[in-house]
Amino acid sequence: MFGLVTLPVEDLIDVVWNEVAFENLAVPDNTKELIQALVQNKIDVERGLDFVRGKGTGLVVLLHG
């Protein structure tokens, strides 16, 4: 029913994070504050719940416009 999938892991590379992406986000300051509060709250709530250290449970935010 399911086929074998081959993943060429030798082609994977480290993520290069854009450290100023959030600063350049074109939304009002109060929206940025709300996003930062959501993320901080998610981190605080999960601090004691993460059985696999550093894994987290994710937070999905849809920005559109």
PDB file of N, CA and C in Angstrom:
ATOM      1  N   MET A   1       0.816  -1.188   0.000  1.00  0.00           N
ATOM      2  CA  MET A   1       0.000   0.000   0.000  1.00  0.00           C
ATOM      3  C   MET A   1       0.864   1.258   0.000  1.00  0.00           C
ATOM      4  N   PHE A   2       1.913   1.261   0.833  1.00  0.00           N
ATOM      5  CA  PHE A   2       2.807   2.408   0.877  1.00  0.00           C
ATOM      6  C   PHE A   2       4.144   2.021   0.261  1.00  0.00           C
ATOM      7  N   GLY A   3       4.728   2.935  -0.533  1.00  0.00           N
ATOM      8  CA  GLY A   3       6.013   2.669  -1.154  1.00  0.00           C
ATOM      9  C   GLY A   3       7.166   3.188  -0.318  1.00  0.00           C
ATOM     10  N   LEU A   4       8.329   2.729  -0.646  1.00  0.00           N
ATOM     11  CA  LEU A   4       9.533   3.167   0.035  1.00  0.00           C
ATOM     12  C   LEU A   4       9.930   4.552  -0.467  1.00  0.00           C
ATOM     13  N   VAL A   5      10.295   5.434   0.448  1.00  0.00           N
ATOM     14  CA  VAL A   5      10.703   6.792   0.095  1.00  0.00           C
ATOM     15  C   VAL A   5      12.177   6.949   0.437  1.00  0.00           C
ATOM     16  N   THR A   6      12.949   7.448  -0.500  1.00  0.00           N
ATOM     17  CA  THR A   6      14.368   7.691  -0.275  1.00  0.00           C
ATOM     18  C   THR A   6      14.587   9.189  -0.098  1.00  0.00           C
ATOM     19  N   LEU A   7      15.235   9.542   0.982  1.00  0.00           N
ATOM     20  CA  LEU A   7      15.524  10.941   1.272  1.00  0.00           C
ATOM     21  C   LEU A   7      17.032  11.137   1.241  1.00  0.00           C
ATOM     22  N   PRO A   8      17.532  11.924   0.277  1.00  0.00           N
ATOM     23  CA  PRO A   8      18.985  12.139   0.178  1.00  0.00           C
ATOM     24  C   PRO A   8      19.474  13.116   1.258  1.00  0.00           C
ATOM     25  N   VAL A   9      19.722  12.623   2.454  1.00  0.00           N
ATOM     26  CA  VAL A   9      20.092  13.489   3.572  1.00  0.00           C
ATOM     27  C   VAL A   9      21.448  14.158   3.394  1.00  0.00           C
ATOM     28  N   GLU A  10      22.270  13.646   2.515  1.00  0.00           N
ATOM     29  CA  GLU A  10      23.571  14.295   2.293  1.00  0.00           C
ATOM     30  C   GLU A  10      23.411  15.676   1.653  1.00  0.00           C
ATOM     31  N   ASP A  11      22.218  15.969   1.118  1.00  0.00           N
ATOM     32  CA  ASP A  11      21.960  17.279   0.513  1.00  0.00           C
ATOM     33  C   ASP A  11      21.399  18.297   1.507  1.00  0.00           C
ATOM     34  N   LEU A  12      21.147  17.889   2.746  1.00  0.00           N
ATOM     35  CA  LEU A  12      20.605  18.796   3.748  1.00  0.00           C
ATOM     36  C   LEU A  12      21.692  19.752   4.237  1.00  0.00           C
ATOM     37  N   ILE A  13      21.288  20.991   4.488  1.00  0.00           N
ATOM     38  CA  ILE A  13      22.226  21.993   5.001  1.00  0.00           C
ATOM     39  C   ILE A  13      21.603  22.678   6.222  1.00  0.00           C
ATOM     40  N   ASP A  14      22.417  23.325   7.033  1.00  0.00           N
ATOM     41  CA  ASP A  14      21.920  24.055   8.192  1.00  0.00           C
ATOM     42  C   ASP A  14      21.092  25.254   7.736  1.00  0.00           C
ATOM     43  N   VAL A  15      20.091  25.596   8.538  1.00  0.00           N
ATOM     44  CA  VAL A  15      19.265  26.765   8.266  1.00  0.00           C
ATOM     45  C   VAL A  15      20.074  28.018   8.568  1.00  0.00           C
ATOM     46  N   VAL A  16      20.010  28.999   7.676  1.00  0.00           N
ATOM     47  CA  VAL A  16      20.651  30.295   7.907  1.00  0.00           C
ATOM     48  C   VAL A  16      19.532  31.254   8.317  1.00  0.00           C
ATOM     49  N   TRP A  17      19.499  31.601   9.604  1.00  0.00           N
ATOM     50  CA  TRP A  17      18.438  32.444  10.126  1.00  0.00           C
ATOM     51  C   TRP A  17      18.678  33.906   9.774  1.00  0.00           C
ATOM     52  N   ASN A  18      17.612  34.591   9.389  1.00  0.00           N
ATOM     53  CA  ASN A  18      17.657  36.025   9.150  1.00  0.00           C
ATOM     54  C   ASN A  18      17.343  36.700  10.484  1.00  0.00           C
ATOM     55  N   GLU A  19      18.352  37.220  11.132  1.00  0.00           N
ATOM     56  CA  GLU A  19      18.218  37.782  12.476  1.00  0.00           C
ATOM     57  C   GLU A  19      17.409  39.075  12.523  1.00  0.00           C
ATOM     58  N   VAL A  20      17.224  39.747  11.400  1.00  0.00           N
ATOM     59  CA  VAL A  20      16.493  41.016  11.396  1.00  0.00           C
ATOM     60  C   VAL A  20      15.142  40.922  10.688  1.00  0.00           C
ATOM     61  N   ALA A  21      14.702  39.724  10.372  1.00  0.00           N
ATOM     62  CA  ALA A  21      13.447  39.555   9.640  1.00  0.00           C
ATOM     63  C   ALA A  21      12.260  40.147  10.406  1.00  0.00           C
ATOM     64  N   PHE A  22      12.183  39.869  11.712  1.00  0.00           N
ATOM     65  CA  PHE A  22      11.055  40.374  12.495  1.00  0.00           C
ATOM     66  C   PHE A  22      11.077  41.892  12.570  1.00  0.00           C
ATOM     67  N   GLU A  23      12.256  42.470  12.705  1.00  0.00           N
ATOM     68  CA  GLU A  23      12.372  43.933  12.756  1.00  0.00           C
ATOM     69  C   GLU A  23      11.869  44.570  11.462  1.00  0.00           C
ATOM     70  N   ASN A  24      12.065  43.872  10.338  1.00  0.00           N
ATOM     71  CA  ASN A  24      11.668  44.403   9.033  1.00  0.00           C
ATOM     72  C   ASN A  24      10.246  44.034   8.637  1.00  0.00           C
ATOM     73  N   LEU A  25       9.533  43.317   9.500  1.00  0.00           N
ATOM     74  CA  LEU A  25       8.153  42.931   9.226  1.00  0.00           C
ATOM     75  C   LEU A  25       7.296  44.183   9.116  1.00  0.00           C
ATOM     76  N   ALA A  26       6.575  44.319   8.007  1.00  0.00           N
ATOM     77  CA  ALA A  26       5.800  45.529   7.742  1.00  0.00           C
ATOM     78  C   ALA A  26       4.393  45.415   8.325  1.00  0.00           C
ATOM     79  N   VAL A  27       4.313  45.463   9.649  1.00  0.00           N
ATOM     80  CA  VAL A  27       3.037  45.466  10.366  1.00  0.00           C
ATOM     81  C   VAL A  27       3.127  46.522  11.456  1.00  0.00           C
ATOM     82  N   PRO A  28       1.972  46.980  11.949  1.00  0.00           N
ATOM     83  CA  PRO A  28       2.004  47.983  13.018  1.00  0.00           C
ATOM     84  C   PRO A  28       2.727  47.455  14.266  1.00  0.00           C
ATOM     85  N   ASP A  29       3.281  48.376  15.043  1.00  0.00           N
ATOM     86  CA  ASP A  29       4.027  48.004  16.252  1.00  0.00           C
ATOM     87  C   ASP A  29       3.177  47.198  17.229  1.00  0.00           C
ATOM     88  N   ASN A  30       1.872  47.531  17.362  1.00  0.00           N
ATOM     89  CA  ASN A  30       1.036  46.793  18.305  1.00  0.00           C
ATOM     90  C   ASN A  30       0.840  45.341  17.848  1.00  0.00           C
ATOM     91  N   THR A  31       0.881  45.092  16.544  1.00  0.00           N
ATOM     92  CA  THR A  31       0.790  43.722  16.026  1.00  0.00           C
ATOM     93  C   THR A  31       2.066  42.959  16.353  1.00  0.00           C
ATOM     94  N   LYS A  32       3.215  43.614  16.217  1.00  0.00           N
ATOM     95  CA  LYS A  32       4.483  42.980  16.587  1.00  0.00           C
ATOM     96  C   LYS A  32       4.506  42.649  18.073  1.00  0.00           C
ATOM     97  N   GLU A  33       3.985  43.557  18.901  1.00  0.00           N
ATOM     98  CA  GLU A  33       3.932  43.307  20.338  1.00  0.00           C
ATOM     99  C   GLU A  33       3.043  42.105  20.645  1.00  0.00           C
ATOM    100  N   LEU A  34       1.921  41.980  19.934  1.00  0.00           N
ATOM    101  CA  LEU A  34       1.020  40.853  20.129  1.00  0.00           C
ATOM    102  C   LEU A  34       1.710  39.539  19.741  1.00  0.00           C
ATOM    103  N   ILE A  35       2.407  39.528  18.623  1.00  0.00           N
ATOM    104  CA  ILE A  35       3.131  38.333  18.181  1.00  0.00           C
ATOM    105  C   ILE A  35       4.187  37.948  19.210  1.00  0.00           C
ATOM    106  N   GLN A  36       4.949  38.926  19.681  1.00  0.00           N
ATOM    107  CA  GLN A  36       5.976  38.648  20.688  1.00  0.00           C
ATOM    108  C   GLN A  36       5.348  38.104  21.974  1.00  0.00           C
ATOM    109  N   ALA A  37       4.198  38.636  22.378  1.00  0.00           N
ATOM    110  CA  ALA A  37       3.519  38.161  23.584  1.00  0.00           C
ATOM    111  C   ALA A  37       3.031  36.722  23.405  1.00  0.00           C
ATOM    112  N   LEU A  38       2.498  36.398  22.240  1.00  0.00           N
ATOM    113  CA  LEU A  38       2.044  35.029  21.963  1.00  0.00           C
ATOM    114  C   LEU A  38       3.199  34.044  22.048  1.00  0.00           C
ATOM    115  N   VAL A  39       4.313  34.403  21.439  1.00  0.00           N
ATOM    116  CA  VAL A  39       5.487  33.525  21.448  1.00  0.00           C
ATOM    117  C   VAL A  39       6.030  33.368  22.859  1.00  0.00           C
ATOM    118  N   GLN A  40       6.142  34.471  23.601  1.00  0.00           N
ATOM    119  CA  GLN A  40       6.661  34.398  24.962  1.00  0.00           C
ATOM    120  C   GLN A  40       5.747  33.560  25.846  1.00  0.00           C
ATOM    121  N   ASN A  41       4.432  33.723  25.698  1.00  0.00           N
ATOM    122  CA  ASN A  41       3.481  32.935  26.472  1.00  0.00           C
ATOM    123  C   ASN A  41       3.620  31.445  26.138  1.00  0.00           C
ATOM    124  N   LYS A  42       3.770  31.121  24.880  1.00  0.00           N
ATOM    125  CA  LYS A  42       3.951  29.725  24.448  1.00  0.00           C
ATOM    126  C   LYS A  42       5.210  29.137  25.086  1.00  0.00           C
ATOM    127  N   ILE A  43       6.290  29.897  25.087  1.00  0.00           N
ATOM    128  CA  ILE A  43       7.553  29.440  25.685  1.00  0.00           C
ATOM    129  C   ILE A  43       7.371  29.223  27.182  1.00  0.00           C
ATOM    130  N   ASP A  44       6.728  30.174  27.869  1.00  0.00           N
ATOM    131  CA  ASP A  44       6.549  30.083  29.319  1.00  0.00           C
ATOM    132  C   ASP A  44       5.685  28.887  29.707  1.00  0.00           C
ATOM    133  N   VAL A  45       4.605  28.646  28.966  1.00  0.00           N
ATOM    134  CA  VAL A  45       3.697  27.539  29.258  1.00  0.00           C
ATOM    135  C   VAL A  45       4.389  26.198  29.067  1.00  0.00           C
ATOM    136  N   GLU A  46       5.215  26.093  28.040  1.00  0.00           N
ATOM    137  CA  GLU A  46       5.850  24.821  27.707  1.00  0.00           C
ATOM    138  C   GLU A  46       7.141  24.559  28.472  1.00  0.00           C
ATOM    139  N   ARG A  47       7.631  25.519  29.192  1.00  0.00           N
ATOM    140  CA  ARG A  47       8.926  25.380  29.861  1.00  0.00           C
ATOM    141  C   ARG A  47       9.002  24.105  30.700  1.00  0.00           C
ATOM    142  N   GLY A  48       7.944  23.751  31.399  1.00  0.00           N
ATOM    143  CA  GLY A  48       7.958  22.562  32.237  1.00  0.00           C
ATOM    144  C   GLY A  48       7.367  21.332  31.560  1.00  0.00           C
ATOM    145  N   LEU A  49       6.894  21.450  30.319  1.00  0.00           N
ATOM    146  CA  LEU A  49       6.200  20.344  29.658  1.00  0.00           C
ATOM    147  C   LEU A  49       7.027  19.623  28.610  1.00  0.00           C
ATOM    148  N   ASP A  50       8.213  20.096  28.329  1.00  0.00           N
ATOM    149  CA  ASP A  50       8.997  19.564  27.218  1.00  0.00           C
ATOM    150  C   ASP A  50       9.782  18.326  27.649  1.00  0.00           C
ATOM    151  N   PHE A  51       9.210  17.139  27.406  1.00  0.00           N
ATOM    152  CA  PHE A  51       9.857  15.888  27.802  1.00  0.00           C
ATOM    153  C   PHE A  51      11.087  15.589  26.954  1.00  0.00           C
ATOM    154  N   VAL A  52      11.063  15.991  25.681  1.00  0.00           N
ATOM    155  CA  VAL A  52      12.231  15.871  24.814  1.00  0.00           C
ATOM    156  C   VAL A  52      12.823  17.271  24.734  1.00  0.00           C
ATOM    157  N   ARG A  53      13.919  17.485  25.419  1.00  0.00           N
ATOM    158  CA  ARG A  53      14.503  18.817  25.580  1.00  0.00           C
ATOM    159  C   ARG A  53      14.707  19.521  24.241  1.00  0.00           C
ATOM    160  N   GLY A  54      14.155  20.750  24.115  1.00  0.00           N
ATOM    161  CA  GLY A  54      14.359  21.566  22.931  1.00  0.00           C
ATOM    162  C   GLY A  54      13.405  21.287  21.786  1.00  0.00           C
ATOM    163  N   LYS A  55      12.552  20.263  21.935  1.00  0.00           N
ATOM    164  CA  LYS A  55      11.660  19.909  20.840  1.00  0.00           C
ATOM    165  C   LYS A  55      10.496  20.886  20.734  1.00  0.00           C
ATOM    166  N   GLY A  56       9.856  21.190  21.850  1.00  0.00           N
ATOM    167  CA  GLY A  56       8.704  22.077  21.844  1.00  0.00           C
ATOM    168  C   GLY A  56       7.504  21.436  21.177  1.00  0.00           C
ATOM    169  N   THR A  57       6.408  22.174  21.083  1.00  0.00           N
ATOM    170  CA  THR A  57       5.205  21.648  20.442  1.00  0.00           C
ATOM    171  C   THR A  57       4.750  22.522  19.285  1.00  0.00           C
ATOM    172  N   GLY A  58       5.454  23.602  19.032  1.00  0.00           N
ATOM    173  CA  GLY A  58       5.152  24.434  17.877  1.00  0.00           C
ATOM    174  C   GLY A  58       4.099  25.486  18.111  1.00  0.00           C
ATOM    175  N   LEU A  59       4.153  26.512  17.337  1.00  0.00           N
ATOM    176  CA  LEU A  59       3.173  27.583  17.343  1.00  0.00           C
ATOM    177  C   LEU A  59       3.050  28.047  15.902  1.00  0.00           C
ATOM    178  N   VAL A  60       1.833  27.995  15.372  1.00  0.00           N
ATOM    179  CA  VAL A  60       1.610  28.399  13.996  1.00  0.00           C
ATOM    180  C   VAL A  60       0.925  29.754  13.991  1.00  0.00           C
ATOM    181  N   VAL A  61       1.498  30.709  13.288  1.00  0.00           N
ATOM    182  CA  VAL A  61       0.934  32.042  13.157  1.00  0.00           C
ATOM    183  C   VAL A  61       0.828  32.353  11.681  1.00  0.00           C
ATOM    184  N   LEU A  62      -0.367  32.718  11.232  1.00  0.00           N
ATOM    185  CA  LEU A  62      -0.565  33.065   9.825  1.00  0.00           C
ATOM    186  C   LEU A  62      -0.577  34.582   9.695  1.00  0.00           C
ATOM    187  N   LEU A  63       0.373  35.112   8.946  1.00  0.00           N
ATOM    188  CA  LEU A  63       0.435  36.538   8.645  1.00  0.00           C
ATOM    189  C   LEU A  63       0.028  36.700   7.186  1.00  0.00           C
ATOM    190  N   HIS A  64      -0.953  37.515   6.932  1.00  0.00           N
ATOM    191  CA  HIS A  64      -1.394  37.712   5.546  1.00  0.00           C
ATOM    192  C   HIS A  64      -1.684  39.181   5.310  1.00  0.00           C
ATOM    193  N   GLY A  65      -1.749  39.538   4.069  1.00  0.00           N
ATOM    194  CA  GLY A  65      -2.098  40.926   3.772  1.00  0.00           C
ATOM    195  C   GLY A  65      -1.516  41.388   2.478  1.00  0.00           C
TER     196      GLY A  65
END
